[in-house]
Amino acid sequence: MATSTIRLDDGVREETTRIASEMGLTFNAVINILARKFNAEKGFPFPVRLETAQKTVFDMSSDEFETACKDAVAKRGEPIATDYVARFDKESGMITKVYADGRVEYVLN
């Protein structure tokens, strides 16, 4: 078994050791697991990329998400017109087509 020296940012080893201990592992086991996974994947087992200026919905606060939704609605084109709306009939357990003129058709298949 080879011995290696690695340099870590302050607190990284302590936090890794603490978490590993809770899992019943040692710090060395964590490093070996990560290295084996790196080798098996032929690279990092997660995306490594530059941060982008554009946020995803997962990065947004509630206010930012609401603003983005309002902007998208404002920029959208004409809504697509359909002849009917599909609905699930709770009483019959069937799917229905409800037309604008009030007609209702049950979908059999």
PDB file of N, CA and C in Angstrom:
ATOM      1  N   MET A   1       0.853  -1.178   0.000  1.00  0.00           N
ATOM      2  CA  MET A   1       0.000   0.000   0.000  1.00  0.00           C
ATOM      3  C   MET A   1       0.896   1.237   0.000  1.00  0.00           C
ATOM      4  N   ALA A   2       0.577   2.191  -0.863  1.00  0.00           N
ATOM      5  CA  ALA A   2       1.368   3.412  -0.993  1.00  0.00           C
ATOM      6  C   ALA A   2       0.950   4.439   0.050  1.00  0.00           C
ATOM      7  N   THR A   3       1.891   5.258   0.453  1.00  0.00           N
ATOM      8  CA  THR A   3       1.618   6.357   1.364  1.00  0.00           C
ATOM      9  C   THR A   3       1.724   7.646   0.570  1.00  0.00           C
ATOM     10  N   SER A   4       0.732   8.506   0.721  1.00  0.00           N
ATOM     11  CA  SER A   4       0.704   9.779   0.000  1.00  0.00           C
ATOM     12  C   SER A   4       0.459  10.908   0.979  1.00  0.00           C
ATOM     13  N   THR A   5       0.938  12.079   0.622  1.00  0.00           N
ATOM     14  CA  THR A   5       0.679  13.278   1.404  1.00  0.00           C
ATOM     15  C   THR A   5      -0.237  14.169   0.578  1.00  0.00           C
ATOM     16  N   ILE A   6      -1.310  14.648   1.196  1.00  0.00           N
ATOM     17  CA  ILE A   6      -2.208  15.561   0.496  1.00  0.00           C
ATOM     18  C   ILE A   6      -2.390  16.823   1.329  1.00  0.00           C
ATOM     19  N   ARG A   7      -2.641  17.913   0.662  1.00  0.00           N
ATOM     20  CA  ARG A   7      -2.908  19.174   1.340  1.00  0.00           C
ATOM     21  C   ARG A   7      -4.382  19.496   1.179  1.00  0.00           C
ATOM     22  N   LEU A   8      -5.012  19.825   2.290  1.00  0.00           N
ATOM     23  CA  LEU A   8      -6.434  20.150   2.286  1.00  0.00           C
ATOM     24  C   LEU A   8      -6.647  21.528   2.887  1.00  0.00           C
ATOM     25  N   ASP A   9      -7.729  22.166   2.484  1.00  0.00           N
ATOM     26  CA  ASP A   9      -8.096  23.438   3.092  1.00  0.00           C
ATOM     27  C   ASP A   9      -8.391  23.232   4.572  1.00  0.00           C
ATOM     28  N   ASP A  10      -8.225  24.303   5.348  1.00  0.00           N
ATOM     29  CA  ASP A  10      -8.474  24.232   6.786  1.00  0.00           C
ATOM     30  C   ASP A  10      -9.857  23.669   7.078  1.00  0.00           C
ATOM     31  N   GLY A  11      -9.932  22.740   7.983  1.00  0.00           N
ATOM     32  CA  GLY A  11     -11.195  22.186   8.436  1.00  0.00           C
ATOM     33  C   GLY A  11     -11.745  21.062   7.581  1.00  0.00           C
ATOM     34  N   VAL A  12     -11.224  20.871   6.370  1.00  0.00           N
ATOM     35  CA  VAL A  12     -11.762  19.842   5.475  1.00  0.00           C
ATOM     36  C   VAL A  12     -11.526  18.451   6.053  1.00  0.00           C
ATOM     37  N   ARG A  13     -10.303  18.196   6.509  1.00  0.00           N
ATOM     38  CA  ARG A  13     -10.013  16.873   7.060  1.00  0.00           C
ATOM     39  C   ARG A  13     -10.870  16.598   8.297  1.00  0.00           C
ATOM     40  N   GLU A  14     -10.998  17.593   9.170  1.00  0.00           N
ATOM     41  CA  GLU A  14     -11.775  17.396  10.392  1.00  0.00           C
ATOM     42  C   GLU A  14     -13.233  17.094  10.070  1.00  0.00           C
ATOM     43  N   GLU A  15     -13.824  17.846   9.139  1.00  0.00           N
ATOM     44  CA  GLU A  15     -15.226  17.629   8.765  1.00  0.00           C
ATOM     45  C   GLU A  15     -15.397  16.276   8.085  1.00  0.00           C
ATOM     46  N   THR A  16     -14.461  15.942   7.196  1.00  0.00           N
ATOM     47  CA  THR A  16     -14.516  14.646   6.518  1.00  0.00           C
ATOM     48  C   THR A  16     -14.389  13.509   7.524  1.00  0.00           C
ATOM     49  N   THR A  17     -13.466  13.644   8.470  1.00  0.00           N
ATOM     50  CA  THR A  17     -13.275  12.618   9.499  1.00  0.00           C
ATOM     51  C   THR A  17     -14.524  12.467  10.359  1.00  0.00           C
ATOM     52  N   ARG A  18     -15.162  13.585  10.704  1.00  0.00           N
ATOM     53  CA  ARG A  18     -16.371  13.545  11.526  1.00  0.00           C
ATOM     54  C   ARG A  18     -17.499  12.816  10.805  1.00  0.00           C
ATOM     55  N   ILE A  19     -17.735  13.188   9.550  1.00  0.00           N
ATOM     56  CA  ILE A  19     -18.811  12.567   8.773  1.00  0.00           C
ATOM     57  C   ILE A  19     -18.510  11.093   8.526  1.00  0.00           C
ATOM     58  N   ALA A  20     -17.270  10.799   8.165  1.00  0.00           N
ATOM     59  CA  ALA A  20     -16.874   9.407   7.919  1.00  0.00           C
ATOM     60  C   ALA A  20     -17.072   8.567   9.174  1.00  0.00           C
ATOM     61  N   SER A  21     -16.723   9.117  10.323  1.00  0.00           N
ATOM     62  CA  SER A  21     -16.878   8.401  11.585  1.00  0.00           C
ATOM     63  C   SER A  21     -18.339   8.051  11.843  1.00  0.00           C
ATOM     64  N   GLU A  22     -19.243   8.985  11.538  1.00  0.00           N
ATOM     65  CA  GLU A  22     -20.674   8.724  11.701  1.00  0.00           C
ATOM     66  C   GLU A  22     -21.136   7.593  10.796  1.00  0.00           C
ATOM     67  N   MET A  23     -20.434   7.392   9.679  1.00  0.00           N
ATOM     68  CA  MET A  23     -20.772   6.328   8.736  1.00  0.00           C
ATOM     69  C   MET A  23     -19.998   5.042   9.032  1.00  0.00           C
ATOM     70  N   GLY A  24     -19.139   5.079  10.049  1.00  0.00           N
ATOM     71  CA  GLY A  24     -18.340   3.906  10.386  1.00  0.00           C
ATOM     72  C   GLY A  24     -17.119   3.749   9.500  1.00  0.00           C
ATOM     73  N   LEU A  25     -16.656   4.855   8.907  1.00  0.00           N
ATOM     74  CA  LEU A  25     -15.496   4.829   8.020  1.00  0.00           C
ATOM     75  C   LEU A  25     -14.356   5.663   8.598  1.00  0.00           C
ATOM     76  N   THR A  26     -13.171   5.446   8.050  1.00  0.00           N
ATOM     77  CA  THR A  26     -12.021   6.279   8.407  1.00  0.00           C
ATOM     78  C   THR A  26     -11.807   7.313   7.305  1.00  0.00           C
ATOM     79  N   PHE A  27     -10.995   8.306   7.606  1.00  0.00           N
ATOM     80  CA  PHE A  27     -10.631   9.311   6.612  1.00  0.00           C
ATOM     81  C   PHE A  27      -9.966   8.633   5.418  1.00  0.00           C
ATOM     82  N   ASN A  28      -9.047   7.703   5.678  1.00  0.00           N
ATOM     83  CA  ASN A  28      -8.341   7.003   4.601  1.00  0.00           C
ATOM     84  C   ASN A  28      -9.306   6.203   3.730  1.00  0.00           C
ATOM     85  N   ALA A  29     -10.328   5.599   4.333  1.00  0.00           N
ATOM     86  CA  ALA A  29     -11.320   4.853   3.554  1.00  0.00           C
ATOM     87  C   ALA A  29     -12.052   5.790   2.604  1.00  0.00           C
ATOM     88  N   VAL A  30     -12.396   6.991   3.089  1.00  0.00           N
ATOM     89  CA  VAL A  30     -13.090   7.974   2.239  1.00  0.00           C
ATOM     90  C   VAL A  30     -12.221   8.339   1.039  1.00  0.00           C
ATOM     91  N   ILE A  31     -10.946   8.610   1.283  1.00  0.00           N
ATOM     92  CA  ILE A  31     -10.033   8.981   0.194  1.00  0.00           C
ATOM     93  C   ILE A  31      -9.913   7.834  -0.805  1.00  0.00           C
ATOM     94  N   ASN A  32      -9.800   6.593  -0.307  1.00  0.00           N
ATOM     95  CA  ASN A  32      -9.707   5.435  -1.198  1.00  0.00           C
ATOM     96  C   ASN A  32     -10.985   5.257  -2.014  1.00  0.00           C
ATOM     97  N   ILE A  33     -12.139   5.429  -1.389  1.00  0.00           N
ATOM     98  CA  ILE A  33     -13.418   5.304  -2.098  1.00  0.00           C
ATOM     99  C   ILE A  33     -13.505   6.356  -3.200  1.00  0.00           C
ATOM    100  N   LEU A  34     -13.154   7.600  -2.859  1.00  0.00           N
ATOM    101  CA  LEU A  34     -13.213   8.676  -3.860  1.00  0.00           C
ATOM    102  C   LEU A  34     -12.247   8.422  -5.008  1.00  0.00           C
ATOM    103  N   ALA A  35     -11.037   7.955  -4.710  1.00  0.00           N
ATOM    104  CA  ALA A  35     -10.048   7.680  -5.756  1.00  0.00           C
ATOM    105  C   ALA A  35     -10.506   6.526  -6.650  1.00  0.00           C
ATOM    106  N   ARG A  36     -11.078   5.475  -6.046  1.00  0.00           N
ATOM    107  CA  ARG A  36     -11.563   4.344  -6.835  1.00  0.00           C
ATOM    108  C   ARG A  36     -12.718   4.773  -7.749  1.00  0.00           C
ATOM    109  N   LYS A  37     -13.613   5.591  -7.223  1.00  0.00           N
ATOM    110  CA  LYS A  37     -14.734   6.084  -8.027  1.00  0.00           C
ATOM    111  C   LYS A  37     -14.226   6.964  -9.171  1.00  0.00           C
ATOM    112  N   PHE A  38     -13.242   7.807  -8.887  1.00  0.00           N
ATOM    113  CA  PHE A  38     -12.625   8.654  -9.904  1.00  0.00           C
ATOM    114  C   PHE A  38     -12.041   7.787 -11.016  1.00  0.00           C
ATOM    115  N   ASN A  39     -11.343   6.719 -10.626  1.00  0.00           N
ATOM    116  CA  ASN A  39     -10.733   5.819 -11.614  1.00  0.00           C
ATOM    117  C   ASN A  39     -11.795   5.073 -12.419  1.00  0.00           C
ATOM    118  N   ALA A  40     -12.832   4.590 -11.743  1.00  0.00           N
ATOM    119  CA  ALA A  40     -13.880   3.845 -12.433  1.00  0.00           C
ATOM    120  C   ALA A  40     -14.623   4.717 -13.442  1.00  0.00           C
ATOM    121  N   GLU A  41     -14.849   5.977 -13.087  1.00  0.00           N
ATOM    122  CA  GLU A  41     -15.579   6.909 -13.963  1.00  0.00           C
ATOM    123  C   GLU A  41     -14.664   7.557 -15.005  1.00  0.00           C
ATOM    124  N   LYS A  42     -13.370   7.341 -14.848  1.00  0.00           N
ATOM    125  CA  LYS A  42     -12.365   8.002 -15.717  1.00  0.00           C
ATOM    126  C   LYS A  42     -12.473   9.515 -15.599  1.00  0.00           C
ATOM    127  N   GLY A  43     -12.751   9.969 -14.407  1.00  0.00           N
ATOM    128  CA  GLY A  43     -12.881  11.396 -14.120  1.00  0.00           C
ATOM    129  C   GLY A  43     -13.755  11.576 -12.897  1.00  0.00           C
ATOM    130  N   PHE A  44     -14.160  12.797 -12.667  1.00  0.00           N
ATOM    131  CA  PHE A  44     -14.987  13.084 -11.503  1.00  0.00           C
ATOM    132  C   PHE A  44     -16.364  12.442 -11.649  1.00  0.00           C
ATOM    133  N   PRO A  45     -16.904  11.890 -10.563  1.00  0.00           N
ATOM    134  CA  PRO A  45     -18.236  11.273 -10.635  1.00  0.00           C
ATOM    135  C   PRO A  45     -19.366  12.291 -10.498  1.00  0.00           C
ATOM    136  N   PHE A  46     -19.051  13.537 -10.753  1.00  0.00           N
ATOM    137  CA  PHE A  46     -20.019  14.623 -10.702  1.00  0.00           C
ATOM    138  C   PHE A  46     -19.544  15.681 -11.677  1.00  0.00           C
ATOM    139  N   PRO A  47     -20.442  16.552 -12.149  1.00  0.00           N
ATOM    140  CA  PRO A  47     -20.030  17.565 -13.123  1.00  0.00           C
ATOM    141  C   PRO A  47     -19.049  18.568 -12.516  1.00  0.00           C
ATOM    142  N   VAL A  48     -18.013  18.860 -13.246  1.00  0.00           N
ATOM    143  CA  VAL A  48     -17.050  19.885 -12.860  1.00  0.00           C
ATOM    144  C   VAL A  48     -17.083  20.925 -13.964  1.00  0.00           C
ATOM    145  N   ARG A  49     -17.582  22.105 -13.620  1.00  0.00           N
ATOM    146  CA  ARG A  49     -17.738  23.137 -14.643  1.00  0.00           C
ATOM    147  C   ARG A  49     -17.678  24.516 -14.001  1.00  0.00           C
ATOM    148  N   LEU A  50     -17.524  25.509 -14.836  1.00  0.00           N
ATOM    149  CA  LEU A  50     -17.540  26.884 -14.379  1.00  0.00           C
ATOM    150  C   LEU A  50     -18.956  27.264 -14.003  1.00  0.00           C
ATOM    151  N   GLU A  51     -19.078  28.114 -13.031  1.00  0.00           N
ATOM    152  CA  GLU A  51     -20.403  28.617 -12.658  1.00  0.00           C
ATOM    153  C   GLU A  51     -20.920  29.478 -13.800  1.00  0.00           C
ATOM    154  N   THR A  52     -22.197  29.357 -14.090  1.00  0.00           N
ATOM    155  CA  THR A  52     -22.794  30.171 -15.138  1.00  0.00           C
ATOM    156  C   THR A  52     -23.531  31.342 -14.502  1.00  0.00           C
ATOM    157  N   ALA A  53     -23.681  32.374 -15.266  1.00  0.00           N
ATOM    158  CA  ALA A  53     -24.387  33.554 -14.761  1.00  0.00           C
ATOM    159  C   ALA A  53     -25.889  33.279 -14.646  1.00  0.00           C
ATOM    160  N   GLN A  54     -26.385  32.343 -15.451  1.00  0.00           N
ATOM    161  CA  GLN A  54     -27.814  32.049 -15.448  1.00  0.00           C
ATOM    162  C   GLN A  54     -28.145  31.071 -14.319  1.00  0.00           C
ATOM    163  N   LYS A  55     -29.130  31.435 -13.524  1.00  0.00           N
ATOM    164  CA  LYS A  55     -29.553  30.573 -12.425  1.00  0.00           C
ATOM    165  C   LYS A  55     -30.567  29.560 -12.918  1.00  0.00           C
ATOM    166  N   THR A  56     -30.605  28.427 -12.249  1.00  0.00           N
ATOM    167  CA  THR A  56     -31.669  27.464 -12.510  1.00  0.00           C
ATOM    168  C   THR A  56     -32.749  27.689 -11.462  1.00  0.00           C
ATOM    169  N   VAL A  57     -33.883  27.038 -11.611  1.00  0.00           N
ATOM    170  CA  VAL A  57     -34.957  27.209 -10.638  1.00  0.00           C
ATOM    171  C   VAL A  57     -34.529  26.752  -9.252  1.00  0.00           C
ATOM    172  N   PHE A  58     -33.567  25.838  -9.185  1.00  0.00           N
ATOM    173  CA  PHE A  58     -33.100  25.341  -7.895  1.00  0.00           C
ATOM    174  C   PHE A  58     -32.229  26.358  -7.161  1.00  0.00           C
ATOM    175  N   ASP A  59     -31.697  27.327  -7.898  1.00  0.00           N
ATOM    176  CA  ASP A  59     -30.841  28.356  -7.304  1.00  0.00           C
ATOM    177  C   ASP A  59     -31.624  29.606  -6.919  1.00  0.00           C
ATOM    178  N   MET A  60     -32.879  29.685  -7.327  1.00  0.00           N
ATOM    179  CA  MET A  60     -33.666  30.911  -7.150  1.00  0.00           C
ATOM    180  C   MET A  60     -34.396  30.950  -5.807  1.00  0.00           C
ATOM    181  N   SER A  61     -34.556  32.174  -5.321  1.00  0.00           N
ATOM    182  CA  SER A  61     -35.418  32.371  -4.159  1.00  0.00           C
ATOM    183  C   SER A  61     -36.865  32.352  -4.659  1.00  0.00           C
ATOM    184  N   SER A  62     -37.811  32.323  -3.754  1.00  0.00           N
ATOM    185  CA  SER A  62     -39.227  32.324  -4.147  1.00  0.00           C
ATOM    186  C   SER A  62     -39.571  33.562  -4.964  1.00  0.00           C
ATOM    187  N   ASP A  63     -39.047  34.712  -4.540  1.00  0.00           N
ATOM    188  CA  ASP A  63     -39.323  35.961  -5.264  1.00  0.00           C
ATOM    189  C   ASP A  63     -38.723  35.931  -6.671  1.00  0.00           C
ATOM    190  N   GLU A  64     -37.491  35.431  -6.793  1.00  0.00           N
ATOM    191  CA  GLU A  64     -36.851  35.344  -8.106  1.00  0.00           C
ATOM    192  C   GLU A  64     -37.617  34.394  -9.023  1.00  0.00           C
ATOM    193  N   PHE A  65     -38.076  33.269  -8.473  1.00  0.00           N
ATOM    194  CA  PHE A  65     -38.840  32.301  -9.255  1.00  0.00           C
ATOM    195  C   PHE A  65     -40.153  32.916  -9.737  1.00  0.00           C
ATOM    196  N   GLU A  66     -40.832  33.621  -8.837  1.00  0.00           N
ATOM    197  CA  GLU A  66     -42.099  34.260  -9.207  1.00  0.00           C
ATOM    198  C   GLU A  66     -41.884  35.294 -10.307  1.00  0.00           C
ATOM    199  N   THR A  67     -40.827  36.084 -10.200  1.00  0.00           N
ATOM    200  CA  THR A  67     -40.505  37.086 -11.218  1.00  0.00           C
ATOM    201  C   THR A  67     -40.207  36.423 -12.557  1.00  0.00           C
ATOM    202  N   ALA A  68     -39.440  35.321 -12.528  1.00  0.00           N
ATOM    203  CA  ALA A  68     -39.109  34.601 -13.762  1.00  0.00           C
ATOM    204  C   ALA A  68     -40.371  34.045 -14.415  1.00  0.00           C
ATOM    205  N   CYS A  69     -41.292  33.534 -13.604  1.00  0.00           N
ATOM    206  CA  CYS A  69     -42.560  33.010 -14.144  1.00  0.00           C
ATOM    207  C   CYS A  69     -43.378  34.124 -14.785  1.00  0.00           C
ATOM    208  N   LYS A  70     -43.464  35.265 -14.113  1.00  0.00           N
ATOM    209  CA  LYS A  70     -44.218  36.398 -14.665  1.00  0.00           C
ATOM    210  C   LYS A  70     -43.598  36.875 -15.972  1.00  0.00           C
ATOM    211  N   ASP A  71     -42.261  36.923 -16.032  1.00  0.00           N
ATOM    212  CA  ASP A  71     -41.577  37.318 -17.267  1.00  0.00           C
ATOM    213  C   ASP A  71     -41.880  36.338 -18.397  1.00  0.00           C
ATOM    214  N   ALA A  72     -41.871  35.039 -18.089  1.00  0.00           N
ATOM    215  CA  ALA A  72     -42.138  34.018 -19.106  1.00  0.00           C
ATOM    216  C   ALA A  72     -43.561  34.138 -19.627  1.00  0.00           C
ATOM    217  N   VAL A  73     -44.510  34.382 -18.742  1.00  0.00           N
ATOM    218  CA  VAL A  73     -45.910  34.537 -19.162  1.00  0.00           C
ATOM    219  C   VAL A  73     -46.042  35.773 -20.043  1.00  0.00           C
ATOM    220  N   ALA A  74     -45.364  36.860 -19.668  1.00  0.00           N
ATOM    221  CA  ALA A  74     -45.444  38.098 -20.442  1.00  0.00           C
ATOM    222  C   ALA A  74     -44.838  37.931 -21.841  1.00  0.00           C
ATOM    223  N   LYS A  75     -43.827  37.082 -21.969  1.00  0.00           N
ATOM    224  CA  LYS A  75     -43.127  36.910 -23.243  1.00  0.00           C
ATOM    225  C   LYS A  75     -43.715  35.809 -24.117  1.00  0.00           C
ATOM    226  N   ARG A  76     -44.633  35.019 -23.594  1.00  0.00           N
ATOM    227  CA  ARG A  76     -45.136  33.893 -24.364  1.00  0.00           C
ATOM    228  C   ARG A  76     -45.990  34.377 -25.530  1.00  0.00           C
ATOM    229  N   GLY A  77     -46.137  33.508 -26.501  1.00  0.00           N
ATOM    230  CA  GLY A  77     -46.945  33.829 -27.670  1.00  0.00           C
ATOM    231  C   GLY A  77     -48.410  33.570 -27.391  1.00  0.00           C
ATOM    232  N   GLU A  78     -49.173  33.544 -28.451  1.00  0.00           N
ATOM    233  CA  GLU A  78     -50.601  33.269 -28.338  1.00  0.00           C
ATOM    234  C   GLU A  78     -50.808  31.862 -27.793  1.00  0.00           C
ATOM    235  N   PRO A  79     -51.770  31.692 -26.905  1.00  0.00           N
ATOM    236  CA  PRO A  79     -52.030  30.351 -26.385  1.00  0.00           C
ATOM    237  C   PRO A  79     -52.544  29.426 -27.484  1.00  0.00           C
ATOM    238  N   ILE A  80     -52.246  28.159 -27.346  1.00  0.00           N
ATOM    239  CA  ILE A  80     -52.698  27.169 -28.311  1.00  0.00           C
ATOM    240  C   ILE A  80     -54.175  26.885 -28.043  1.00  0.00           C
ATOM    241  N   ALA A  81     -54.978  27.020 -29.074  1.00  0.00           N
ATOM    242  CA  ALA A  81     -56.419  26.781 -28.926  1.00  0.00           C
ATOM    243  C   ALA A  81     -56.699  25.297 -29.114  1.00  0.00           C
ATOM    244  N   THR A  82     -57.504  24.743 -28.238  1.00  0.00           N
ATOM    245  CA  THR A  82     -57.921  23.352 -28.363  1.00  0.00           C
ATOM    246  C   THR A  82     -59.435  23.297 -28.413  1.00  0.00           C
ATOM    247  N   ASP A  83     -59.943  22.216 -28.959  1.00  0.00           N
ATOM    248  CA  ASP A  83     -61.384  22.035 -29.069  1.00  0.00           C
ATOM    249  C   ASP A  83     -62.004  21.604 -27.753  1.00  0.00           C
ATOM    250  N   TYR A  84     -61.194  20.976 -26.915  1.00  0.00           N
ATOM    251  CA  TYR A  84     -61.721  20.441 -25.667  1.00  0.00           C
ATOM    252  C   TYR A  84     -60.647  20.435 -24.577  1.00  0.00           C
ATOM    253  N   VAL A  85     -61.096  20.179 -23.365  1.00  0.00           N
ATOM    254  CA  VAL A  85     -60.204  20.024 -22.229  1.00  0.00           C
ATOM    255  C   VAL A  85     -60.403  18.605 -21.710  1.00  0.00           C
ATOM    256  N   ALA A  86     -59.313  17.865 -21.511  1.00  0.00           N
ATOM    257  CA  ALA A  86     -59.409  16.508 -20.961  1.00  0.00           C
ATOM    258  C   ALA A  86     -59.487  16.610 -19.437  1.00  0.00           C
ATOM    259  N   ARG A  87     -60.412  15.869 -18.862  1.00  0.00           N
ATOM    260  CA  ARG A  87     -60.591  15.868 -17.406  1.00  0.00           C
ATOM    261  C   ARG A  87     -60.801  14.443 -16.931  1.00  0.00           C
ATOM    262  N   PHE A  88     -60.465  14.213 -15.679  1.00  0.00           N
ATOM    263  CA  PHE A  88     -60.710  12.915 -15.053  1.00  0.00           C
ATOM    264  C   PHE A  88     -61.997  13.008 -14.260  1.00  0.00           C
ATOM    265  N   ASP A  89     -62.965  12.151 -14.583  1.00  0.00           N
ATOM    266  CA  ASP A  89     -64.251  12.118 -13.895  1.00  0.00           C
ATOM    267  C   ASP A  89     -64.105  11.221 -12.664  1.00  0.00           C
ATOM    268  N   LYS A  90     -64.120  11.818 -11.478  1.00  0.00           N
ATOM    269  CA  LYS A  90     -63.917  11.061 -10.242  1.00  0.00           C
ATOM    270  C   LYS A  90     -65.026  10.049  -9.997  1.00  0.00           C
ATOM    271  N   GLU A  91     -66.229  10.379 -10.377  1.00  0.00           N
ATOM    272  CA  GLU A  91     -67.363   9.483 -10.125  1.00  0.00           C
ATOM    273  C   GLU A  91     -67.285   8.213 -10.967  1.00  0.00           C
ATOM    274  N   SER A  92     -66.978   8.368 -12.230  1.00  0.00           N
ATOM    275  CA  SER A  92     -66.938   7.203 -13.118  1.00  0.00           C
ATOM    276  C   SER A  92     -65.539   6.603 -13.215  1.00  0.00           C
ATOM    277  N   GLY A  93     -64.529   7.390 -12.849  1.00  0.00           N
ATOM    278  CA  GLY A  93     -63.151   6.919 -12.987  1.00  0.00           C
ATOM    279  C   GLY A  93     -62.664   6.947 -14.424  1.00  0.00           C
ATOM    280  N   MET A  94     -63.361   7.672 -15.275  1.00  0.00           N
ATOM    281  CA  MET A  94     -62.996   7.729 -16.691  1.00  0.00           C
ATOM    282  C   MET A  94     -62.486   9.115 -17.059  1.00  0.00           C
ATOM    283  N   ILE A  95     -61.767   9.155 -18.149  1.00  0.00           N
ATOM    284  CA  ILE A  95     -61.295  10.425 -18.693  1.00  0.00           C
ATOM    285  C   ILE A  95     -62.369  10.952 -19.629  1.00  0.00           C
ATOM    286  N   THR A  96     -62.642  12.243 -19.528  1.00  0.00           N
ATOM    287  CA  THR A  96     -63.660  12.861 -20.373  1.00  0.00           C
ATOM    288  C   THR A  96     -63.048  13.983 -21.199  1.00  0.00           C
ATOM    289  N   LYS A  97     -63.700  14.257 -22.310  1.00  0.00           N
ATOM    290  CA  LYS A  97     -63.385  15.434 -23.117  1.00  0.00           C
ATOM    291  C   LYS A  97     -64.527  16.400 -22.895  1.00  0.00           C
ATOM    292  N   VAL A  98     -64.233  17.581 -22.378  1.00  0.00           N
ATOM    293  CA  VAL A  98     -65.268  18.593 -22.140  1.00  0.00           C
ATOM    294  C   VAL A  98     -65.060  19.696 -23.176  1.00  0.00           C
ATOM    295  N   TYR A  99     -66.062  19.875 -24.028  1.00  0.00           N
ATOM    296  CA  TYR A  99     -65.976  20.859 -25.099  1.00  0.00           C
ATOM    297  C   TYR A  99     -66.486  22.219 -24.634  1.00  0.00           C
ATOM    298  N   ALA A 100     -66.108  23.274 -25.340  1.00  0.00           N
ATOM    299  CA  ALA A 100     -66.503  24.640 -24.984  1.00  0.00           C
ATOM    300  C   ALA A 100     -68.020  24.820 -25.015  1.00  0.00           C
ATOM    301  N   ASP A 101     -68.696  24.069 -25.887  1.00  0.00           N
ATOM    302  CA  ASP A 101     -70.160  24.198 -25.972  1.00  0.00           C
ATOM    303  C   ASP A 101     -70.884  23.374 -24.905  1.00  0.00           C
ATOM    304  N   GLY A 102     -70.139  22.719 -24.010  1.00  0.00           N
ATOM    305  CA  GLY A 102     -70.748  21.979 -22.910  1.00  0.00           C
ATOM    306  C   GLY A 102     -70.853  20.483 -23.130  1.00  0.00           C
ATOM    307  N   ARG A 103     -70.596  20.024 -24.361  1.00  0.00           N
ATOM    308  CA  ARG A 103     -70.648  18.585 -24.620  1.00  0.00           C
ATOM    309  C   ARG A 103     -69.559  17.864 -23.819  1.00  0.00           C
ATOM    310  N   VAL A 104     -69.858  16.648 -23.410  1.00  0.00           N
ATOM    311  CA  VAL A 104     -68.901  15.816 -22.691  1.00  0.00           C
ATOM    312  C   VAL A 104     -68.831  14.463 -23.370  1.00  0.00           C
ATOM    313  N   GLU A 105     -67.629  14.017 -23.703  1.00  0.00           N
ATOM    314  CA  GLU A 105     -67.422  12.691 -24.274  1.00  0.00           C
ATOM    315  C   GLU A 105     -66.553  11.903 -23.324  1.00  0.00           C
ATOM    316  N   TYR A 106     -66.880  10.639 -23.138  1.00  0.00           N
ATOM    317  CA  TYR A 106     -66.053   9.762 -22.325  1.00  0.00           C
ATOM    318  C   TYR A 106     -65.046   9.058 -23.228  1.00  0.00           C
ATOM    319  N   VAL A 107     -63.797   9.022 -22.809  1.00  0.00           N
ATOM    320  CA  VAL A 107     -62.756   8.358 -23.568  1.00  0.00           C
ATOM    321  C   VAL A 107     -62.727   6.910 -23.118  1.00  0.00           C
ATOM    322  N   LEU A 108     -62.953   5.989 -24.034  1.00  0.00           N
ATOM    323  CA  LEU A 108     -63.042   4.581 -23.671  1.00  0.00           C
ATOM    324  C   LEU A 108     -61.681   3.880 -23.632  1.00  0.00           C
ATOM    325  N   ASN A 109     -60.754   4.293 -24.447  1.00  0.00           N
ATOM    326  CA  ASN A 109     -59.426   3.666 -24.462  1.00  0.00           C
ATOM    327  C   ASN A 109     -58.374   4.630 -23.998  1.00  0.00           C
TER     328      ASN A 109
END
